[in-house]
């Protein structure tokens, strides 16, 4: 299966929101996704975007009967990574990886690594001082992935804090 990594576009947003909901189910929080498609899209592609992302795609399988001439099969989005810029008074600008999501059917095929490698390339191009993210303490496949390929550092000193409105 040939995988292509490209920047996310406005037209990708409905599929990205589907993947976000799939992640919420995996993380045992299916009712926690409350963002609307309109807000999500505006936040990434409006006048003042606050997030950027990459998608992993593959060609859609051929249909039987084949697509009519002039109509390509298109692509299927299997995964995506969404980030924004975080500012550290100690370290400067850093990439904050909000989510890296690979649909369940496509896991274990190296797609997450392709996305993560592209994020590292982006962070270096933009001269960020590093990349930060969170992973649930029970998500052993993700933890093992970050340890195996990236020698990621896990911080057990800091607690997550939130205020919701």
C-alpha atoms as a PDB file:
ATOM      1  CA  UNK A   1       0.000   0.000   0.000  1.00  0.00           C
ATOM      2  CA  UNK A   2       1.550   3.305  -1.107  1.00  0.00           C
ATOM      3  CA  UNK A   3       1.168   6.052   1.492  1.00  0.00           C
ATOM      4  CA  UNK A   4       1.352   9.763   0.707  1.00  0.00           C
ATOM      5  CA  UNK A   5       1.865  12.396   3.418  1.00  0.00           C
ATOM      6  CA  UNK A   6       0.531  15.846   2.560  1.00  0.00           C
ATOM      7  CA  UNK A   7      -0.714  18.976   4.294  1.00  0.00           C
ATOM      8  CA  UNK A   8      -4.301  18.839   5.475  1.00  0.00           C
ATOM      9  CA  UNK A   9      -6.782  20.923   3.493  1.00  0.00           C
ATOM     10  CA  UNK A  10     -10.131  22.457   4.320  1.00  0.00           C
ATOM     11  CA  UNK A  11     -11.825  19.732   2.289  1.00  0.00           C
ATOM     12  CA  UNK A  12     -10.297  17.078   4.583  1.00  0.00           C
ATOM     13  CA  UNK A  13     -12.055  18.376   7.702  1.00  0.00           C
ATOM     14  CA  UNK A  14     -15.141  16.109   7.620  1.00  0.00           C
ATOM     15  CA  UNK A  15     -12.888  13.016   7.443  1.00  0.00           C
ATOM     16  CA  UNK A  16     -10.562  14.394  10.121  1.00  0.00           C
ATOM     17  CA  UNK A  17     -13.494  14.863  12.461  1.00  0.00           C
ATOM     18  CA  UNK A  18     -14.505  11.237  11.809  1.00  0.00           C
ATOM     19  CA  UNK A  19     -11.008  10.148  12.846  1.00  0.00           C
ATOM     20  CA  UNK A  20     -11.153  12.347  15.942  1.00  0.00           C
ATOM     21  CA  UNK A  21     -14.382  10.620  16.949  1.00  0.00           C
ATOM     22  CA  UNK A  22     -12.762   7.228  16.308  1.00  0.00           C
ATOM     23  CA  UNK A  23      -9.914   8.249  18.634  1.00  0.00           C
ATOM     24  CA  UNK A  24     -12.400   9.331  21.301  1.00  0.00           C
ATOM     25  CA  UNK A  25     -13.991   5.882  21.204  1.00  0.00           C
ATOM     26  CA  UNK A  26     -10.542   4.261  21.511  1.00  0.00           C
ATOM     27  CA  UNK A  27      -9.746   6.525  24.478  1.00  0.00           C
ATOM     28  CA  UNK A  28     -13.032   5.539  26.142  1.00  0.00           C
ATOM     29  CA  UNK A  29     -14.482   9.049  25.850  1.00  0.00           C
ATOM     30  CA  UNK A  30     -16.913   8.918  22.906  1.00  0.00           C
ATOM     31  CA  UNK A  31     -19.110  11.749  24.223  1.00  0.00           C
ATOM     32  CA  UNK A  32     -16.242  14.168  24.837  1.00  0.00           C
ATOM     33  CA  UNK A  33     -15.947  15.373  21.218  1.00  0.00           C
ATOM     34  CA  UNK A  34     -18.170  18.456  21.175  1.00  0.00           C
ATOM     35  CA  UNK A  35     -16.479  20.586  18.512  1.00  0.00           C
ATOM     36  CA  UNK A  36     -18.635  21.274  15.463  1.00  0.00           C
ATOM     37  CA  UNK A  37     -17.378  20.717  11.942  1.00  0.00           C
ATOM     38  CA  UNK A  38     -17.781  24.434  11.278  1.00  0.00           C
ATOM     39  CA  UNK A  39     -15.686  25.456  14.294  1.00  0.00           C
ATOM     40  CA  UNK A  40     -13.049  22.824  13.564  1.00  0.00           C
ATOM     41  CA  UNK A  41     -12.772  23.945   9.936  1.00  0.00           C
ATOM     42  CA  UNK A  42     -12.669  27.660  10.775  1.00  0.00           C
ATOM     43  CA  UNK A  43     -10.002  27.039  13.418  1.00  0.00           C
ATOM     44  CA  UNK A  44      -7.724  25.417  10.859  1.00  0.00           C
ATOM     45  CA  UNK A  45      -8.554  27.278   7.677  1.00  0.00           C
ATOM     46  CA  UNK A  46     -10.193  30.567   8.636  1.00  0.00           C
ATOM     47  CA  UNK A  47      -8.620  34.024   8.673  1.00  0.00           C
ATOM     48  CA  UNK A  48      -6.592  33.233  11.807  1.00  0.00           C
ATOM     49  CA  UNK A  49      -5.796  29.509  11.865  1.00  0.00           C
ATOM     50  CA  UNK A  50      -4.713  28.079  15.189  1.00  0.00           C
ATOM     51  CA  UNK A  51      -3.881  24.551  14.051  1.00  0.00           C
ATOM     52  CA  UNK A  52      -2.088  22.891  11.147  1.00  0.00           C
ATOM     53  CA  UNK A  53      -1.866  19.297  10.121  1.00  0.00           C
ATOM     54  CA  UNK A  54      -0.763  16.528   7.826  1.00  0.00           C
ATOM     55  CA  UNK A  55      -2.749  13.620   6.447  1.00  0.00           C
ATOM     56  CA  UNK A  56      -1.666  10.156   5.362  1.00  0.00           C
ATOM     57  CA  UNK A  57      -3.499   9.005   2.264  1.00  0.00           C
ATOM     58  CA  UNK A  58      -3.644   6.068  -0.076  1.00  0.00           C
ATOM     59  CA  UNK A  59      -5.490   5.557  -3.334  1.00  0.00           C
ATOM     60  CA  UNK A  60      -9.007   4.298  -2.936  1.00  0.00           C
ATOM     61  CA  UNK A  61      -9.395   0.747  -4.223  1.00  0.00           C
ATOM     62  CA  UNK A  62     -10.675   0.305  -7.753  1.00  0.00           C
ATOM     63  CA  UNK A  63     -14.409  -0.146  -8.025  1.00  0.00           C
ATOM     64  CA  UNK A  64     -16.244  -2.747 -10.023  1.00  0.00           C
ATOM     65  CA  UNK A  65     -17.348  -1.496 -12.474  1.00  0.00           C
ATOM     66  CA  UNK A  66     -14.414   0.880 -12.906  1.00  0.00           C
ATOM     67  CA  UNK A  67     -14.909   4.626 -12.477  1.00  0.00           C
ATOM     68  CA  UNK A  68     -16.061   6.383 -15.655  1.00  0.00           C
ATOM     69  CA  UNK A  69     -13.299   7.993 -17.752  1.00  0.00           C
ATOM     70  CA  UNK A  70     -12.152  11.292 -16.297  1.00  0.00           C
ATOM     71  CA  UNK A  71     -13.192  10.356 -12.751  1.00  0.00           C
ATOM     72  CA  UNK A  72     -10.220   9.333 -10.661  1.00  0.00           C
ATOM     73  CA  UNK A  73     -10.584   6.936  -7.820  1.00  0.00           C
ATOM     74  CA  UNK A  74      -9.375   9.584  -5.433  1.00  0.00           C
ATOM     75  CA  UNK A  75      -7.712   9.016  -2.126  1.00  0.00           C
ATOM     76  CA  UNK A  76      -8.614   7.701   1.285  1.00  0.00           C
ATOM     77  CA  UNK A  77      -7.377   9.456   4.430  1.00  0.00           C
ATOM     78  CA  UNK A  78      -6.039   6.796   6.798  1.00  0.00           C
ATOM     79  CA  UNK A  79      -4.446   9.023   9.417  1.00  0.00           C
ATOM     80  CA  UNK A  80      -3.616  12.558  10.376  1.00  0.00           C
ATOM     81  CA  UNK A  81      -1.565  14.632  12.785  1.00  0.00           C
ATOM     82  CA  UNK A  82      -2.696  18.014  14.099  1.00  0.00           C
ATOM     83  CA  UNK A  83      -0.418  20.512  15.800  1.00  0.00           C
ATOM     84  CA  UNK A  84      -0.301  24.075  17.018  1.00  0.00           C
ATOM     85  CA  UNK A  85       2.418  26.379  18.306  1.00  0.00           C
ATOM     86  CA  UNK A  86       3.085  26.462  22.031  1.00  0.00           C
ATOM     87  CA  UNK A  87       5.304  29.090  23.561  1.00  0.00           C
ATOM     88  CA  UNK A  88       7.644  28.269  26.439  1.00  0.00           C
ATOM     89  CA  UNK A  89       9.223  31.138  28.339  1.00  0.00           C
ATOM     90  CA  UNK A  90      12.210  28.839  28.859  1.00  0.00           C
ATOM     91  CA  UNK A  91      12.480  27.214  25.405  1.00  0.00           C
ATOM     92  CA  UNK A  92      10.689  29.513  22.927  1.00  0.00           C
ATOM     93  CA  UNK A  93       8.361  28.230  20.224  1.00  0.00           C
ATOM     94  CA  UNK A  94       7.600  24.525  20.344  1.00  0.00           C
ATOM     95  CA  UNK A  95       5.310  22.341  18.310  1.00  0.00           C
ATOM     96  CA  UNK A  96       2.483  20.904  20.362  1.00  0.00           C
ATOM     97  CA  UNK A  97       1.185  17.699  18.818  1.00  0.00           C
ATOM     98  CA  UNK A  98      -2.479  17.638  19.767  1.00  0.00           C
ATOM     99  CA  UNK A  99      -3.307  14.370  18.052  1.00  0.00           C
ATOM    100  CA  UNK A 100      -1.791  11.760  15.824  1.00  0.00           C
ATOM    101  CA  UNK A 101      -4.522   9.395  14.717  1.00  0.00           C
ATOM    102  CA  UNK A 102      -4.246   6.289  12.567  1.00  0.00           C
ATOM    103  CA  UNK A 103      -7.537   4.594  11.791  1.00  0.00           C
ATOM    104  CA  UNK A 104      -7.758   1.189  13.453  1.00  0.00           C
ATOM    105  CA  UNK A 105      -7.655  -0.733  10.170  1.00  0.00           C
ATOM    106  CA  UNK A 106      -4.385   0.949   9.141  1.00  0.00           C
ATOM    107  CA  UNK A 107      -2.410   0.575  12.392  1.00  0.00           C
ATOM    108  CA  UNK A 108       0.836  -1.378  12.399  1.00  0.00           C
ATOM    109  CA  UNK A 109       1.796  -0.401   8.848  1.00  0.00           C
ATOM    110  CA  UNK A 110       4.288   2.382   9.644  1.00  0.00           C
ATOM    111  CA  UNK A 111       1.873   5.229   8.913  1.00  0.00           C
ATOM    112  CA  UNK A 112       2.257   6.798  12.350  1.00  0.00           C
ATOM    113  CA  UNK A 113       6.025   6.882  11.884  1.00  0.00           C
ATOM    114  CA  UNK A 114       5.665   8.569   8.493  1.00  0.00           C
ATOM    115  CA  UNK A 115       3.481  11.253  10.071  1.00  0.00           C
ATOM    116  CA  UNK A 116       5.748  11.713  13.075  1.00  0.00           C
ATOM    117  CA  UNK A 117       8.818  11.997  10.838  1.00  0.00           C
ATOM    118  CA  UNK A 118       7.020  14.660   8.782  1.00  0.00           C
ATOM    119  CA  UNK A 119       6.150  16.571  11.966  1.00  0.00           C
ATOM    120  CA  UNK A 120       9.809  16.495  13.042  1.00  0.00           C
ATOM    121  CA  UNK A 121      10.804  17.817   9.624  1.00  0.00           C
ATOM    122  CA  UNK A 122       8.207  20.620   9.930  1.00  0.00           C
ATOM    123  CA  UNK A 123       9.374  21.544  13.433  1.00  0.00           C
ATOM    124  CA  UNK A 124      12.970  21.776  12.251  1.00  0.00           C
ATOM    125  CA  UNK A 125      11.995  23.822   9.173  1.00  0.00           C
ATOM    126  CA  UNK A 126      10.126  26.285  11.403  1.00  0.00           C
ATOM    127  CA  UNK A 127      13.026  26.338  13.872  1.00  0.00           C
ATOM    128  CA  UNK A 128      10.874  25.202  16.796  1.00  0.00           C
ATOM    129  CA  UNK A 129      12.862  24.124  19.840  1.00  0.00           C
ATOM    130  CA  UNK A 130      11.128  20.745  20.056  1.00  0.00           C
ATOM    131  CA  UNK A 131       7.846  18.860  20.006  1.00  0.00           C
ATOM    132  CA  UNK A 132       5.601  18.177  22.977  1.00  0.00           C
ATOM    133  CA  UNK A 133       2.533  15.975  23.333  1.00  0.00           C
ATOM    134  CA  UNK A 134       0.589  13.873  25.806  1.00  0.00           C
ATOM    135  CA  UNK A 135      -0.172  10.182  25.830  1.00  0.00           C
ATOM    136  CA  UNK A 136      -2.541   8.363  28.154  1.00  0.00           C
ATOM    137  CA  UNK A 137      -0.676   6.282  30.715  1.00  0.00           C
ATOM    138  CA  UNK A 138      -2.596   3.131  29.697  1.00  0.00           C
ATOM    139  CA  UNK A 139      -1.945   3.495  25.960  1.00  0.00           C
ATOM    140  CA  UNK A 140       0.966   1.063  25.830  1.00  0.00           C
ATOM    141  CA  UNK A 141       1.080   0.754  22.029  1.00  0.00           C
ATOM    142  CA  UNK A 142       1.572   4.524  21.713  1.00  0.00           C
ATOM    143  CA  UNK A 143       4.072   4.688  24.582  1.00  0.00           C
ATOM    144  CA  UNK A 144       6.092   1.845  23.092  1.00  0.00           C
ATOM    145  CA  UNK A 145       6.001   3.536  19.658  1.00  0.00           C
ATOM    146  CA  UNK A 146       7.399   6.805  21.053  1.00  0.00           C
ATOM    147  CA  UNK A 147      10.092   4.977  23.021  1.00  0.00           C
ATOM    148  CA  UNK A 148      11.123   2.658  20.187  1.00  0.00           C
ATOM    149  CA  UNK A 149      11.447   5.170  17.379  1.00  0.00           C
ATOM    150  CA  UNK A 150      12.006   8.525  19.068  1.00  0.00           C
ATOM    151  CA  UNK A 151      13.573   7.968  22.476  1.00  0.00           C
ATOM    152  CA  UNK A 152      10.811  10.223  23.829  1.00  0.00           C
ATOM    153  CA  UNK A 153      11.128  11.566  27.352  1.00  0.00           C
ATOM    154  CA  UNK A 154       8.166  11.003  29.656  1.00  0.00           C
ATOM    155  CA  UNK A 155       7.592  13.531  32.430  1.00  0.00           C
ATOM    156  CA  UNK A 156       6.056  12.293  35.666  1.00  0.00           C
ATOM    157  CA  UNK A 157       6.464  15.579  37.546  1.00  0.00           C
ATOM    158  CA  UNK A 158       3.837  17.729  35.873  1.00  0.00           C
ATOM    159  CA  UNK A 159       0.090  17.342  36.299  1.00  0.00           C
ATOM    160  CA  UNK A 160      -2.396  18.283  33.593  1.00  0.00           C
ATOM    161  CA  UNK A 161      -4.730  21.111  34.537  1.00  0.00           C
ATOM    162  CA  UNK A 162      -7.849  22.409  32.779  1.00  0.00           C
ATOM    163  CA  UNK A 163     -10.646  24.901  33.188  1.00  0.00           C
ATOM    164  CA  UNK A 164     -13.736  24.276  31.062  1.00  0.00           C
ATOM    165  CA  UNK A 165     -16.367  26.816  30.089  1.00  0.00           C
END
